[in-house]
PDB file of N, CA and C in Angstrom:
ATOM      1  N   UNK A   1     -35.042  -7.941 -18.297  1.00  0.00           N
ATOM      2  CA  UNK A   1     -34.965  -7.383 -19.403  1.00  0.00           C
ATOM      3  C   UNK A   1     -34.915  -5.668 -19.126  1.00  0.00           C
ATOM      4  N   UNK A   2     -35.625  -5.306 -18.053  1.00  0.00           N
ATOM      5  CA  UNK A   2     -35.584  -4.146 -17.445  1.00  0.00           C
ATOM      6  C   UNK A   2     -34.198  -3.487 -16.928  1.00  0.00           C
ATOM      7  N   UNK A   3     -33.545  -4.544 -16.496  1.00  0.00           N
ATOM      8  CA  UNK A   3     -32.076  -4.657 -15.814  1.00  0.00           C
ATOM      9  C   UNK A   3     -31.295  -4.101 -17.063  1.00  0.00           C
ATOM     10  N   UNK A   4     -31.418  -4.796 -18.359  1.00  0.00           N
ATOM     11  CA  UNK A   4     -30.659  -4.636 -19.445  1.00  0.00           C
ATOM     12  C   UNK A   4     -30.959  -3.232 -20.019  1.00  0.00           C
ATOM     13  N   UNK A   5     -32.068  -2.786 -20.116  1.00  0.00           N
ATOM     14  CA  UNK A   5     -32.563  -1.535 -20.480  1.00  0.00           C
ATOM     15  C   UNK A   5     -31.943  -0.436 -19.742  1.00  0.00           C
ATOM     16  N   UNK A   6     -32.154  -0.513 -18.378  1.00  0.00           N
ATOM     17  CA  UNK A   6     -31.409   0.276 -17.422  1.00  0.00           C
ATOM     18  C   UNK A   6     -29.864   0.615 -17.666  1.00  0.00           C
ATOM     19  N   UNK A   7     -29.312  -0.489 -18.044  1.00  0.00           N
ATOM     20  CA  UNK A   7     -27.822  -0.597 -17.781  1.00  0.00           C
ATOM     21  C   UNK A   7     -27.495   0.339 -19.104  1.00  0.00           C
ATOM     22  N   UNK A   8     -28.221   0.023 -20.282  1.00  0.00           N
ATOM     23  CA  UNK A   8     -27.848   0.299 -21.604  1.00  0.00           C
ATOM     24  C   UNK A   8     -28.207   2.110 -21.597  1.00  0.00           C
ATOM     25  N   UNK A   9     -29.277   2.543 -21.163  1.00  0.00           N
ATOM     26  CA  UNK A   9     -29.451   3.720 -20.877  1.00  0.00           C
ATOM     27  C   UNK A   9     -28.590   4.516 -19.934  1.00  0.00           C
ATOM     28  N   UNK A  10     -28.194   3.910 -19.070  1.00  0.00           N
ATOM     29  CA  UNK A  10     -26.865   4.578 -18.261  1.00  0.00           C
ATOM     30  C   UNK A  10     -25.783   4.725 -18.940  1.00  0.00           C
ATOM     31  N   UNK A  11     -25.191   3.629 -19.674  1.00  0.00           N
ATOM     32  CA  UNK A  11     -24.333   3.730 -20.658  1.00  0.00           C
ATOM     33  C   UNK A  11     -24.421   4.863 -21.621  1.00  0.00           C
ATOM     34  N   UNK A  12     -25.603   5.147 -22.100  1.00  0.00           N
ATOM     35  CA  UNK A  12     -25.515   6.074 -23.134  1.00  0.00           C
ATOM     36  C   UNK A  12     -25.569   7.473 -22.490  1.00  0.00           C
ATOM     37  N   UNK A  13     -26.287   7.529 -21.405  1.00  0.00           N
ATOM     38  CA  UNK A  13     -25.877   8.824 -20.626  1.00  0.00           C
ATOM     39  C   UNK A  13     -24.620   9.285 -20.035  1.00  0.00           C
ATOM     40  N   UNK A  14     -23.970   8.252 -19.821  1.00  0.00           N
ATOM     41  CA  UNK A  14     -22.494   8.230 -19.273  1.00  0.00           C
ATOM     42  C   UNK A  14     -21.614   8.758 -20.460  1.00  0.00           C
ATOM     43  N   UNK A  15     -21.751   8.172 -21.569  1.00  0.00           N
ATOM     44  CA  UNK A  15     -21.047   8.597 -22.763  1.00  0.00           C
ATOM     45  C   UNK A  15     -21.552  10.029 -23.351  1.00  0.00           C
ATOM     46  N   UNK A  16     -22.460  10.461 -23.290  1.00  0.00           N
ATOM     47  CA  UNK A  16     -23.017  11.736 -23.617  1.00  0.00           C
ATOM     48  C   UNK A  16     -21.963  13.084 -23.276  1.00  0.00           C
ATOM     49  N   UNK A  17     -21.665  13.046 -22.134  1.00  0.00           N
ATOM     50  CA  UNK A  17     -20.871  14.247 -21.482  1.00  0.00           C
ATOM     51  C   UNK A  17     -19.524  13.982 -21.925  1.00  0.00           C
ATOM     52  N   UNK A  18     -19.042  13.039 -22.396  1.00  0.00           N
ATOM     53  CA  UNK A  18     -17.786  12.738 -22.701  1.00  0.00           C
ATOM     54  C   UNK A  18     -17.458  12.943 -24.271  1.00  0.00           C
ATOM     55  N   UNK A  19     -18.607  12.965 -25.043  1.00  0.00           N
ATOM     56  CA  UNK A  19     -18.315  13.342 -26.526  1.00  0.00           C
ATOM     57  C   UNK A  19     -18.662  14.877 -26.635  1.00  0.00           C
ATOM     58  N   UNK A  20     -19.555  15.345 -25.428  1.00  0.00           N
ATOM     59  CA  UNK A  20     -19.624  17.007 -25.479  1.00  0.00           C
ATOM     60  C   UNK A  20     -18.668  17.579 -25.414  1.00  0.00           C
ATOM     61  N   UNK A  21     -17.686  16.920 -24.394  1.00  0.00           N
ATOM     62  CA  UNK A  21     -16.485  17.687 -24.077  1.00  0.00           C
ATOM     63  C   UNK A  21     -15.535  17.456 -24.977  1.00  0.00           C
ATOM     64  N   UNK A  22     -15.454  16.648 -25.820  1.00  0.00           N
ATOM     65  CA  UNK A  22     -14.326  16.722 -26.966  1.00  0.00           C
ATOM     66  C   UNK A  22     -13.830  18.108 -27.323  1.00  0.00           C
ATOM     67  N   UNK A  23     -12.624  18.425 -27.443  1.00  0.00           N
ATOM     68  CA  UNK A  23     -12.252  19.818 -27.911  1.00  0.00           C
ATOM     69  C   UNK A  23     -12.488  19.955 -29.370  1.00  0.00           C
ATOM     70  N   UNK A  24     -12.958  21.123 -29.633  1.00  0.00           N
ATOM     71  CA  UNK A  24     -13.222  21.523 -30.995  1.00  0.00           C
ATOM     72  C   UNK A  24     -11.928  21.700 -31.756  1.00  0.00           C
ATOM     73  N   UNK A  25     -12.076  21.909 -32.991  1.00  0.00           N
ATOM     74  CA  UNK A  25     -10.784  22.037 -33.675  1.00  0.00           C
ATOM     75  C   UNK A  25     -10.079  23.487 -33.488  1.00  0.00           C
ATOM     76  N   UNK A  26     -11.263  24.338 -33.046  1.00  0.00           N
ATOM     77  CA  UNK A  26     -10.511  25.705 -32.983  1.00  0.00           C
ATOM     78  C   UNK A  26     -10.114  25.853 -31.348  1.00  0.00           C
ATOM     79  N   UNK A  27     -10.531  25.060 -30.604  1.00  0.00           N
ATOM     80  CA  UNK A  27      -9.705  25.245 -29.343  1.00  0.00           C
ATOM     81  C   UNK A  27      -8.512  24.714 -29.436  1.00  0.00           C
ATOM     82  N   UNK A  28      -8.337  23.180 -29.988  1.00  0.00           N
ATOM     83  CA  UNK A  28      -7.093  22.430 -30.091  1.00  0.00           C
ATOM     84  C   UNK A  28      -6.094  23.358 -31.073  1.00  0.00           C
ATOM     85  N   UNK A  29      -6.602  23.903 -32.009  1.00  0.00           N
ATOM     86  CA  UNK A  29      -5.526  25.052 -32.644  1.00  0.00           C
ATOM     87  C   UNK A  29      -5.041  26.122 -32.015  1.00  0.00           C
ATOM     88  N   UNK A  30      -5.803  26.671 -31.101  1.00  0.00           N
ATOM     89  CA  UNK A  30      -5.240  27.735 -30.101  1.00  0.00           C
ATOM     90  C   UNK A  30      -4.717  27.005 -28.993  1.00  0.00           C
ATOM     91  N   UNK A  31      -4.637  25.883 -28.664  1.00  0.00           N
ATOM     92  CA  UNK A  31      -3.924  25.242 -27.612  1.00  0.00           C
ATOM     93  C   UNK A  31      -2.542  24.855 -28.237  1.00  0.00           C
ATOM     94  N   UNK A  32      -2.848  24.133 -29.378  1.00  0.00           N
ATOM     95  CA  UNK A  32      -1.345  23.560 -30.138  1.00  0.00           C
ATOM     96  C   UNK A  32      -0.604  24.055 -31.197  1.00  0.00           C
ATOM     97  N   UNK A  33      -1.095  24.860 -31.811  1.00  0.00           N
ATOM     98  CA  UNK A  33      -0.779  25.673 -32.829  1.00  0.00           C
ATOM     99  C   UNK A  33      -0.499  26.797 -32.876  1.00  0.00           C
ATOM    100  N   UNK A  34      -1.457  27.887 -32.288  1.00  0.00           N
ATOM    101  CA  UNK A  34      -1.324  29.335 -32.321  1.00  0.00           C
ATOM    102  C   UNK A  34      -0.086  30.139 -31.811  1.00  0.00           C
ATOM    103  N   UNK A  35       0.631  29.357 -30.878  1.00  0.00           N
ATOM    104  CA  UNK A  35       2.167  29.830 -30.322  1.00  0.00           C
ATOM    105  C   UNK A  35       3.028  29.948 -31.637  1.00  0.00           C
ATOM    106  N   UNK A  36       2.897  29.262 -32.684  1.00  0.00           N
ATOM    107  CA  UNK A  36       3.909  29.396 -33.972  1.00  0.00           C
ATOM    108  C   UNK A  36       2.862  29.631 -35.095  1.00  0.00           C
ATOM    109  N   UNK A  37       1.552  29.681 -35.232  1.00  0.00           N
ATOM    110  CA  UNK A  37       0.993  30.087 -36.682  1.00  0.00           C
ATOM    111  C   UNK A  37      -0.289  30.818 -36.206  1.00  0.00           C
ATOM    112  N   UNK A  38      -0.798  31.628 -37.204  1.00  0.00           N
ATOM    113  CA  UNK A  38      -1.791  32.624 -37.201  1.00  0.00           C
ATOM    114  C   UNK A  38      -2.833  31.976 -38.294  1.00  0.00           C
ATOM    115  N   UNK A  39      -4.187  32.267 -38.040  1.00  0.00           N
ATOM    116  CA  UNK A  39      -5.347  31.592 -38.804  1.00  0.00           C
ATOM    117  C   UNK A  39      -6.159  33.004 -39.261  1.00  0.00           C
ATOM    118  N   UNK A  40      -5.829  34.092 -38.929  1.00  0.00           N
ATOM    119  CA  UNK A  40      -6.807  35.192 -39.492  1.00  0.00           C
ATOM    120  C   UNK A  40      -6.254  35.440 -40.713  1.00  0.00           C
ATOM    121  N   UNK A  41      -7.339  36.181 -41.347  1.00  0.00           N
ATOM    122  CA  UNK A  41      -7.271  36.685 -42.822  1.00  0.00           C
ATOM    123  C   UNK A  41      -6.070  37.609 -42.645  1.00  0.00           C
ATOM    124  N   UNK A  42      -4.991  37.532 -43.375  1.00  0.00           N
ATOM    125  CA  UNK A  42      -4.145  38.574 -43.564  1.00  0.00           C
ATOM    126  C   UNK A  42      -3.188  38.225 -42.578  1.00  0.00           C
ATOM    127  N   UNK A  43      -3.184  37.406 -41.594  1.00  0.00           N
ATOM    128  CA  UNK A  43      -2.512  37.086 -40.783  1.00  0.00           C
ATOM    129  C   UNK A  43      -0.784  37.077 -40.799  1.00  0.00           C
ATOM    130  N   UNK A  44      -0.216  37.646 -40.160  1.00  0.00           N
ATOM    131  CA  UNK A  44       1.383  37.641 -40.363  1.00  0.00           C
ATOM    132  C   UNK A  44       2.058  36.459 -39.757  1.00  0.00           C
ATOM    133  N   UNK A  45       3.311  35.682 -40.680  1.00  0.00           N
ATOM    134  CA  UNK A  45       3.867  34.676 -40.077  1.00  0.00           C
ATOM    135  C   UNK A  45       4.379  34.793 -38.746  1.00  0.00           C
ATOM    136  N   UNK A  46       4.731  34.078 -38.133  1.00  0.00           N
ATOM    137  CA  UNK A  46       5.173  33.722 -36.688  1.00  0.00           C
ATOM    138  C   UNK A  46       6.565  32.889 -37.003  1.00  0.00           C
ATOM    139  N   UNK A  47       6.710  32.113 -35.943  1.00  0.00           N
ATOM    140  CA  UNK A  47       7.795  30.938 -36.300  1.00  0.00           C
ATOM    141  C   UNK A  47       7.454  29.869 -37.027  1.00  0.00           C
ATOM    142  N   UNK A  48       6.007  29.911 -37.513  1.00  0.00           N
ATOM    143  CA  UNK A  48       5.701  29.004 -38.722  1.00  0.00           C
ATOM    144  C   UNK A  48       4.766  30.062 -39.572  1.00  0.00           C
ATOM    145  N   UNK A  49       4.480  29.709 -40.641  1.00  0.00           N
ATOM    146  CA  UNK A  49       3.574  30.217 -41.680  1.00  0.00           C
ATOM    147  C   UNK A  49       2.302  30.575 -41.151  1.00  0.00           C
ATOM    148  N   UNK A  50       1.725  31.630 -41.826  1.00  0.00           N
ATOM    149  CA  UNK A  50       0.208  31.702 -41.538  1.00  0.00           C
ATOM    150  C   UNK A  50      -0.765  30.458 -42.210  1.00  0.00           C
ATOM    151  N   UNK A  51      -1.643  30.044 -41.392  1.00  0.00           N
ATOM    152  CA  UNK A  51      -2.508  28.788 -41.919  1.00  0.00           C
ATOM    153  C   UNK A  51      -3.596  29.117 -42.483  1.00  0.00           C
ATOM    154  N   UNK A  52      -4.176  30.308 -42.609  1.00  0.00           N
ATOM    155  CA  UNK A  52      -5.366  30.539 -43.435  1.00  0.00           C
ATOM    156  C   UNK A  52      -5.201  29.982 -44.874  1.00  0.00           C
ATOM    157  N   UNK A  53      -6.200  29.114 -45.473  1.00  0.00           N
ATOM    158  CA  UNK A  53      -6.244  28.913 -46.715  1.00  0.00           C
ATOM    159  C   UNK A  53      -5.222  27.449 -46.932  1.00  0.00           C
ATOM    160  N   UNK A  54      -4.627  26.816 -45.961  1.00  0.00           N
ATOM    161  CA  UNK A  54      -3.628  26.054 -46.120  1.00  0.00           C
ATOM    162  C   UNK A  54      -4.127  24.687 -47.112  1.00  0.00           C
ATOM    163  N   UNK A  55      -5.176  24.438 -46.613  1.00  0.00           N
ATOM    164  CA  UNK A  55      -5.705  23.002 -46.940  1.00  0.00           C
ATOM    165  C   UNK A  55      -5.923  23.324 -48.800  1.00  0.00           C
ATOM    166  N   UNK A  56      -5.256  22.597 -49.396  1.00  0.00           N
ATOM    167  CA  UNK A  56      -5.342  22.843 -51.111  1.00  0.00           C
ATOM    168  C   UNK A  56      -4.141  23.894 -51.522  1.00  0.00           C
ATOM    169  N   UNK A  57      -3.383  24.167 -50.697  1.00  0.00           N
ATOM    170  CA  UNK A  57      -2.269  24.967 -50.912  1.00  0.00           C
ATOM    171  C   UNK A  57      -0.887  24.181 -51.375  1.00  0.00           C
ATOM    172  N   UNK A  58       0.011  24.361 -52.084  1.00  0.00           N
ATOM    173  CA  UNK A  58       1.246  23.791 -52.153  1.00  0.00           C
ATOM    174  C   UNK A  58       2.084  24.113 -50.798  1.00  0.00           C
ATOM    175  N   UNK A  59       2.614  22.905 -50.655  1.00  0.00           N
ATOM    176  CA  UNK A  59       3.587  23.468 -49.393  1.00  0.00           C
ATOM    177  C   UNK A  59       4.837  24.127 -49.863  1.00  0.00           C
ATOM    178  N   UNK A  60       5.133  25.149 -48.864  1.00  0.00           N
ATOM    179  CA  UNK A  60       6.220  26.042 -49.062  1.00  0.00           C
ATOM    180  C   UNK A  60       5.913  27.188 -49.839  1.00  0.00           C
ATOM    181  N   UNK A  61       4.441  27.282 -49.920  1.00  0.00           N
ATOM    182  CA  UNK A  61       4.141  28.538 -50.885  1.00  0.00           C
ATOM    183  C   UNK A  61       3.925  29.846 -50.482  1.00  0.00           C
ATOM    184  N   UNK A  62       3.806  29.980 -49.172  1.00  0.00           N
ATOM    185  CA  UNK A  62       3.553  31.428 -48.586  1.00  0.00           C
ATOM    186  C   UNK A  62       4.871  32.347 -48.922  1.00  0.00           C
ATOM    187  N   UNK A  63       4.433  33.786 -49.525  1.00  0.00           N
ATOM    188  CA  UNK A  63       5.494  34.363 -49.912  1.00  0.00           C
ATOM    189  C   UNK A  63       6.160  34.700 -49.013  1.00  0.00           C
ATOM    190  N   UNK A  64       7.283  34.992 -48.586  1.00  0.00           N
ATOM    191  CA  UNK A  64       8.107  35.603 -47.909  1.00  0.00           C
ATOM    192  C   UNK A  64       8.589  34.663 -46.632  1.00  0.00           C
ATOM    193  N   UNK A  65       7.886  33.633 -46.409  1.00  0.00           N
ATOM    194  CA  UNK A  65       8.420  32.824 -45.255  1.00  0.00           C
ATOM    195  C   UNK A  65       9.537  31.959 -45.608  1.00  0.00           C
ATOM    196  N   UNK A  66      10.475  31.834 -44.806  1.00  0.00           N
ATOM    197  CA  UNK A  66      11.912  31.022 -45.037  1.00  0.00           C
ATOM    198  C   UNK A  66      11.366  29.600 -44.611  1.00  0.00           C
ATOM    199  N   UNK A  67      10.820  28.913 -45.479  1.00  0.00           N
ATOM    200  CA  UNK A  67      10.841  27.360 -45.244  1.00  0.00           C
ATOM    201  C   UNK A  67      11.885  26.333 -45.465  1.00  0.00           C
ATOM    202  N   UNK A  68      11.799  25.523 -44.797  1.00  0.00           N
ATOM    203  CA  UNK A  68      13.042  24.731 -44.950  1.00  0.00           C
ATOM    204  C   UNK A  68      13.226  24.138 -46.454  1.00  0.00           C
ATOM    205  N   UNK A  69      14.338  23.513 -46.686  1.00  0.00           N
ATOM    206  CA  UNK A  69      14.547  22.836 -48.057  1.00  0.00           C
ATOM    207  C   UNK A  69      13.693  21.784 -48.314  1.00  0.00           C
ATOM    208  N   UNK A  70      13.481  21.127 -47.062  1.00  0.00           N
ATOM    209  CA  UNK A  70      12.256  19.771 -47.365  1.00  0.00           C
ATOM    210  C   UNK A  70      11.032  20.059 -47.879  1.00  0.00           C
ATOM    211  N   UNK A  71      10.650  21.278 -47.409  1.00  0.00           N
ATOM    212  CA  UNK A  71       9.248  21.690 -47.612  1.00  0.00           C
ATOM    213  C   UNK A  71       9.074  22.365 -48.953  1.00  0.00           C
ATOM    214  N   UNK A  72       9.977  23.289 -49.270  1.00  0.00           N
ATOM    215  CA  UNK A  72      10.318  24.071 -50.572  1.00  0.00           C
ATOM    216  C   UNK A  72      10.404  22.871 -51.848  1.00  0.00           C
ATOM    217  N   UNK A  73      11.068  21.982 -51.560  1.00  0.00           N
ATOM    218  CA  UNK A  73      11.559  20.805 -52.485  1.00  0.00           C
ATOM    219  C   UNK A  73      10.536  19.765 -52.589  1.00  0.00           C
ATOM    220  N   UNK A  74       9.399  19.677 -51.701  1.00  0.00           N
ATOM    221  CA  UNK A  74       8.813  18.389 -51.712  1.00  0.00           C
ATOM    222  C   UNK A  74       7.801  18.203 -53.013  1.00  0.00           C
ATOM    223  N   UNK A  75       7.253  19.435 -53.527  1.00  0.00           N
ATOM    224  CA  UNK A  75       6.219  19.128 -54.153  1.00  0.00           C
ATOM    225  C   UNK A  75       5.112  18.777 -53.527  1.00  0.00           C
ATOM    226  N   UNK A  76       4.617  18.894 -52.288  1.00  0.00           N
ATOM    227  CA  UNK A  76       3.375  18.385 -51.676  1.00  0.00           C
ATOM    228  C   UNK A  76       2.365  19.208 -51.962  1.00  0.00           C
ATOM    229  N   UNK A  77       1.024  18.840 -51.867  1.00  0.00           N
ATOM    230  CA  UNK A  77       0.003  19.794 -51.620  1.00  0.00           C
ATOM    231  C   UNK A  77      -0.559  19.448 -50.375  1.00  0.00           C
ATOM    232  N   UNK A  78      -0.991  20.580 -49.677  1.00  0.00           N
ATOM    233  CA  UNK A  78      -1.549  20.339 -48.401  1.00  0.00           C
ATOM    234  C   UNK A  78      -2.894  19.637 -48.356  1.00  0.00           C
ATOM    235  N   UNK A  79      -3.444  18.368 -48.867  1.00  0.00           N
ATOM    236  CA  UNK A  79      -4.875  18.032 -48.792  1.00  0.00           C
ATOM    237  C   UNK A  79      -4.832  17.352 -47.324  1.00  0.00           C
ATOM    238  N   UNK A  80      -5.782  17.048 -46.990  1.00  0.00           N
ATOM    239  CA  UNK A  80      -6.196  16.474 -45.686  1.00  0.00           C
ATOM    240  C   UNK A  80      -5.212  15.184 -45.276  1.00  0.00           C
ATOM    241  N   UNK A  81      -5.068  14.140 -46.249  1.00  0.00           N
ATOM    242  CA  UNK A  81      -4.111  13.161 -45.651  1.00  0.00           C
ATOM    243  C   UNK A  81      -2.807  13.739 -45.540  1.00  0.00           C
ATOM    244  N   UNK A  82      -2.269  14.584 -46.260  1.00  0.00           N
ATOM    245  CA  UNK A  82      -0.914  14.900 -46.356  1.00  0.00           C
ATOM    246  C   UNK A  82      -0.630  15.624 -44.769  1.00  0.00           C
ATOM    247  N   UNK A  83      -1.794  16.435 -44.747  1.00  0.00           N
ATOM    248  CA  UNK A  83      -1.815  17.373 -43.412  1.00  0.00           C
ATOM    249  C   UNK A  83      -1.935  16.353 -42.213  1.00  0.00           C
ATOM    250  N   UNK A  84      -2.502  15.500 -41.980  1.00  0.00           N
ATOM    251  CA  UNK A  84      -2.497  14.215 -41.094  1.00  0.00           C
ATOM    252  C   UNK A  84      -1.428  13.742 -40.932  1.00  0.00           C
ATOM    253  N   UNK A  85      -0.748  12.963 -42.067  1.00  0.00           N
ATOM    254  CA  UNK A  85       0.690  12.677 -41.884  1.00  0.00           C
ATOM    255  C   UNK A  85       1.710  13.640 -41.344  1.00  0.00           C
ATOM    256  N   UNK A  86       1.880  14.692 -41.905  1.00  0.00           N
ATOM    257  CA  UNK A  86       2.543  15.719 -41.503  1.00  0.00           C
ATOM    258  C   UNK A  86       2.371  16.291 -39.947  1.00  0.00           C
ATOM    259  N   UNK A  87       1.167  16.374 -39.377  1.00  0.00           N
ATOM    260  CA  UNK A  87       0.891  16.547 -38.046  1.00  0.00           C
ATOM    261  C   UNK A  87       1.090  15.582 -37.176  1.00  0.00           C
ATOM    262  N   UNK A  88       0.965  14.490 -37.297  1.00  0.00           N
ATOM    263  CA  UNK A  88       1.081  13.150 -36.621  1.00  0.00           C
ATOM    264  C   UNK A  88       2.850  13.194 -36.453  1.00  0.00           C
ATOM    265  N   UNK A  89       3.857  13.358 -37.253  1.00  0.00           N
ATOM    266  CA  UNK A  89       4.929  13.293 -37.190  1.00  0.00           C
ATOM    267  C   UNK A  89       5.684  14.124 -38.235  1.00  0.00           C
ATOM    268  N   UNK A  90       6.004  15.511 -37.830  1.00  0.00           N
ATOM    269  CA  UNK A  90       6.425  16.200 -39.171  1.00  0.00           C
ATOM    270  C   UNK A  90       7.901  15.741 -39.906  1.00  0.00           C
ATOM    271  N   UNK A  91       8.776  15.579 -38.879  1.00  0.00           N
ATOM    272  CA  UNK A  91      10.292  15.155 -39.463  1.00  0.00           C
ATOM    273  C   UNK A  91      10.465  13.873 -40.018  1.00  0.00           C
ATOM    274  N   UNK A  92       9.351  13.060 -39.868  1.00  0.00           N
ATOM    275  CA  UNK A  92       8.893  11.506 -40.504  1.00  0.00           C
ATOM    276  C   UNK A  92       8.436  11.781 -42.139  1.00  0.00           C
ATOM    277  N   UNK A  93       7.356  12.917 -41.960  1.00  0.00           N
ATOM    278  CA  UNK A  93       6.935  13.176 -43.073  1.00  0.00           C
ATOM    279  C   UNK A  93       7.489  13.999 -44.240  1.00  0.00           C
ATOM    280  N   UNK A  94       8.311  14.758 -43.612  1.00  0.00           N
ATOM    281  CA  UNK A  94       9.197  15.895 -44.465  1.00  0.00           C
ATOM    282  C   UNK A  94      10.763  15.921 -43.667  1.00  0.00           C
ATOM    283  N   UNK A  95      11.491  15.185 -43.783  1.00  0.00           N
ATOM    284  CA  UNK A  95      12.901  14.789 -43.229  1.00  0.00           C
ATOM    285  C   UNK A  95      13.335  16.546 -43.623  1.00  0.00           C
ATOM    286  N   UNK A  96      14.060  16.925 -42.177  1.00  0.00           N
ATOM    287  CA  UNK A  96      14.532  18.502 -42.638  1.00  0.00           C
ATOM    288  C   UNK A  96      13.573  19.409 -42.074  1.00  0.00           C
ATOM    289  N   UNK A  97      12.180  19.205 -42.024  1.00  0.00           N
ATOM    290  CA  UNK A  97      11.462  20.136 -41.641  1.00  0.00           C
ATOM    291  C   UNK A  97      11.829  20.985 -40.485  1.00  0.00           C
ATOM    292  N   UNK A  98      11.244  22.113 -40.276  1.00  0.00           N
ATOM    293  CA  UNK A  98      11.560  22.859 -39.443  1.00  0.00           C
ATOM    294  C   UNK A  98      10.545  22.491 -38.234  1.00  0.00           C
ATOM    295  N   UNK A  99       9.250  22.278 -38.285  1.00  0.00           N
ATOM    296  CA  UNK A  99       8.429  22.217 -37.461  1.00  0.00           C
ATOM    297  C   UNK A  99       8.543  20.862 -36.773  1.00  0.00           C
ATOM    298  N   UNK A 100       8.844  20.886 -35.239  1.00  0.00           N
ATOM    299  CA  UNK A 100       9.200  19.865 -34.373  1.00  0.00           C
ATOM    300  C   UNK A 100       8.321  19.021 -33.864  1.00  0.00           C
ATOM    301  N   UNK A 101       7.076  19.658 -33.145  1.00  0.00           N
ATOM    302  CA  UNK A 101       6.161  19.257 -32.259  1.00  0.00           C
ATOM    303  C   UNK A 101       4.900  18.977 -33.357  1.00  0.00           C
ATOM    304  N   UNK A 102       4.434  17.514 -33.029  1.00  0.00           N
ATOM    305  CA  UNK A 102       3.231  17.159 -34.000  1.00  0.00           C
ATOM    306  C   UNK A 102       2.294  16.987 -32.932  1.00  0.00           C
ATOM    307  N   UNK A 103       0.893  16.248 -33.375  1.00  0.00           N
ATOM    308  CA  UNK A 103       0.011  16.151 -32.629  1.00  0.00           C
ATOM    309  C   UNK A 103      -0.475  14.501 -32.662  1.00  0.00           C
ATOM    310  N   UNK A 104       0.099  13.784 -31.849  1.00  0.00           N
ATOM    311  CA  UNK A 104      -0.131  12.500 -31.655  1.00  0.00           C
ATOM    312  C   UNK A 104      -1.320  11.821 -31.759  1.00  0.00           C
ATOM    313  N   UNK A 105      -2.523  12.563 -31.286  1.00  0.00           N
ATOM    314  CA  UNK A 105      -3.652  11.882 -31.094  1.00  0.00           C
ATOM    315  C   UNK A 105      -4.472  12.225 -32.282  1.00  0.00           C
ATOM    316  N   UNK A 106      -5.073  10.885 -33.245  1.00  0.00           N
ATOM    317  CA  UNK A 106      -5.432  10.961 -34.633  1.00  0.00           C
ATOM    318  C   UNK A 106      -6.690  11.960 -34.243  1.00  0.00           C
ATOM    319  N   UNK A 107      -7.883  11.748 -33.568  1.00  0.00           N
ATOM    320  CA  UNK A 107      -8.779  12.532 -33.582  1.00  0.00           C
ATOM    321  C   UNK A 107      -8.749  14.113 -32.953  1.00  0.00           C
ATOM    322  N   UNK A 108      -7.539  14.591 -32.623  1.00  0.00           N
ATOM    323  CA  UNK A 108      -7.114  15.856 -32.462  1.00  0.00           C
ATOM    324  C   UNK A 108      -6.708  16.671 -33.797  1.00  0.00           C
ATOM    325  N   UNK A 109      -5.884  15.638 -34.441  1.00  0.00           N
ATOM    326  CA  UNK A 109      -5.501  16.116 -35.802  1.00  0.00           C
ATOM    327  C   UNK A 109      -6.687  16.253 -37.009  1.00  0.00           C
ATOM    328  N   UNK A 110      -7.597  15.175 -36.503  1.00  0.00           N
ATOM    329  CA  UNK A 110      -8.740  15.524 -37.578  1.00  0.00           C
ATOM    330  C   UNK A 110      -9.461  16.703 -37.038  1.00  0.00           C
ATOM    331  N   UNK A 111      -9.772  16.981 -36.221  1.00  0.00           N
ATOM    332  CA  UNK A 111     -10.533  18.082 -35.663  1.00  0.00           C
ATOM    333  C   UNK A 111      -9.489  19.576 -36.049  1.00  0.00           C
ATOM    334  N   UNK A 112      -8.307  19.462 -35.904  1.00  0.00           N
ATOM    335  CA  UNK A 112      -7.554  20.470 -36.210  1.00  0.00           C
ATOM    336  C   UNK A 112      -7.472  20.677 -37.964  1.00  0.00           C
ATOM    337  N   UNK A 113      -7.578  19.699 -38.550  1.00  0.00           N
ATOM    338  CA  UNK A 113      -7.497  19.627 -40.079  1.00  0.00           C
ATOM    339  C   UNK A 113      -8.929  20.282 -40.514  1.00  0.00           C
ATOM    340  N   UNK A 114     -10.206  19.895 -39.911  1.00  0.00           N
ATOM    341  CA  UNK A 114     -11.431  20.071 -40.091  1.00  0.00           C
ATOM    342  C   UNK A 114     -11.641  21.684 -40.007  1.00  0.00           C
ATOM    343  N   UNK A 115     -11.054  22.068 -38.728  1.00  0.00           N
ATOM    344  CA  UNK A 115     -10.873  23.804 -38.548  1.00  0.00           C
ATOM    345  C   UNK A 115     -10.090  24.313 -39.693  1.00  0.00           C
ATOM    346  N   UNK A 116      -8.786  23.979 -40.041  1.00  0.00           N
ATOM    347  CA  UNK A 116      -8.158  24.739 -41.137  1.00  0.00           C
ATOM    348  C   UNK A 116      -8.952  24.423 -42.197  1.00  0.00           C
ATOM    349  N   UNK A 117      -9.624  23.187 -42.588  1.00  0.00           N
ATOM    350  CA  UNK A 117     -10.303  23.185 -44.010  1.00  0.00           C
ATOM    351  C   UNK A 117     -11.555  24.473 -43.965  1.00  0.00           C
ATOM    352  N   UNK A 118     -11.976  24.695 -43.012  1.00  0.00           N
ATOM    353  CA  UNK A 118     -12.976  25.902 -42.668  1.00  0.00           C
ATOM    354  C   UNK A 118     -12.624  27.195 -42.709  1.00  0.00           C
ATOM    355  N   UNK A 119     -11.155  27.443 -42.913  1.00  0.00           N
ATOM    356  CA  UNK A 119     -10.729  28.759 -43.032  1.00  0.00           C
ATOM    357  C   UNK A 119     -10.121  28.936 -44.325  1.00  0.00           C
ATOM    358  N   UNK A 120     -10.649  29.394 -45.252  1.00  0.00           N
ATOM    359  CA  UNK A 120     -10.413  29.582 -46.419  1.00  0.00           C
ATOM    360  C   UNK A 120      -9.807  31.244 -46.758  1.00  0.00           C
TER     361      UNK A 120
END
């Protein structure tokens, strides 16, 4: 019994550092998205549109940004499930989109989406 408890405790301790090291949505955004997108209030467009306030916004709605026809005509709203599908495989979600690079890992997409949702 003591051996089982010791093994269980060791397993919990080993798992704690891994969870603590999971990248935050902010750090993932900086690594994976900031080359093409801004998140700051009043941020200018880069290769992609600024993403502050994206959650809840209509797709293709930032004035002055040259969106693909696929996004402009999609009628989509950027809710969490739509963002998840788009970030997973952009061209599969909206064929003809200009965004080419997705985020294959579901946990990373979730963290990025939570971060985006916090930036209103």
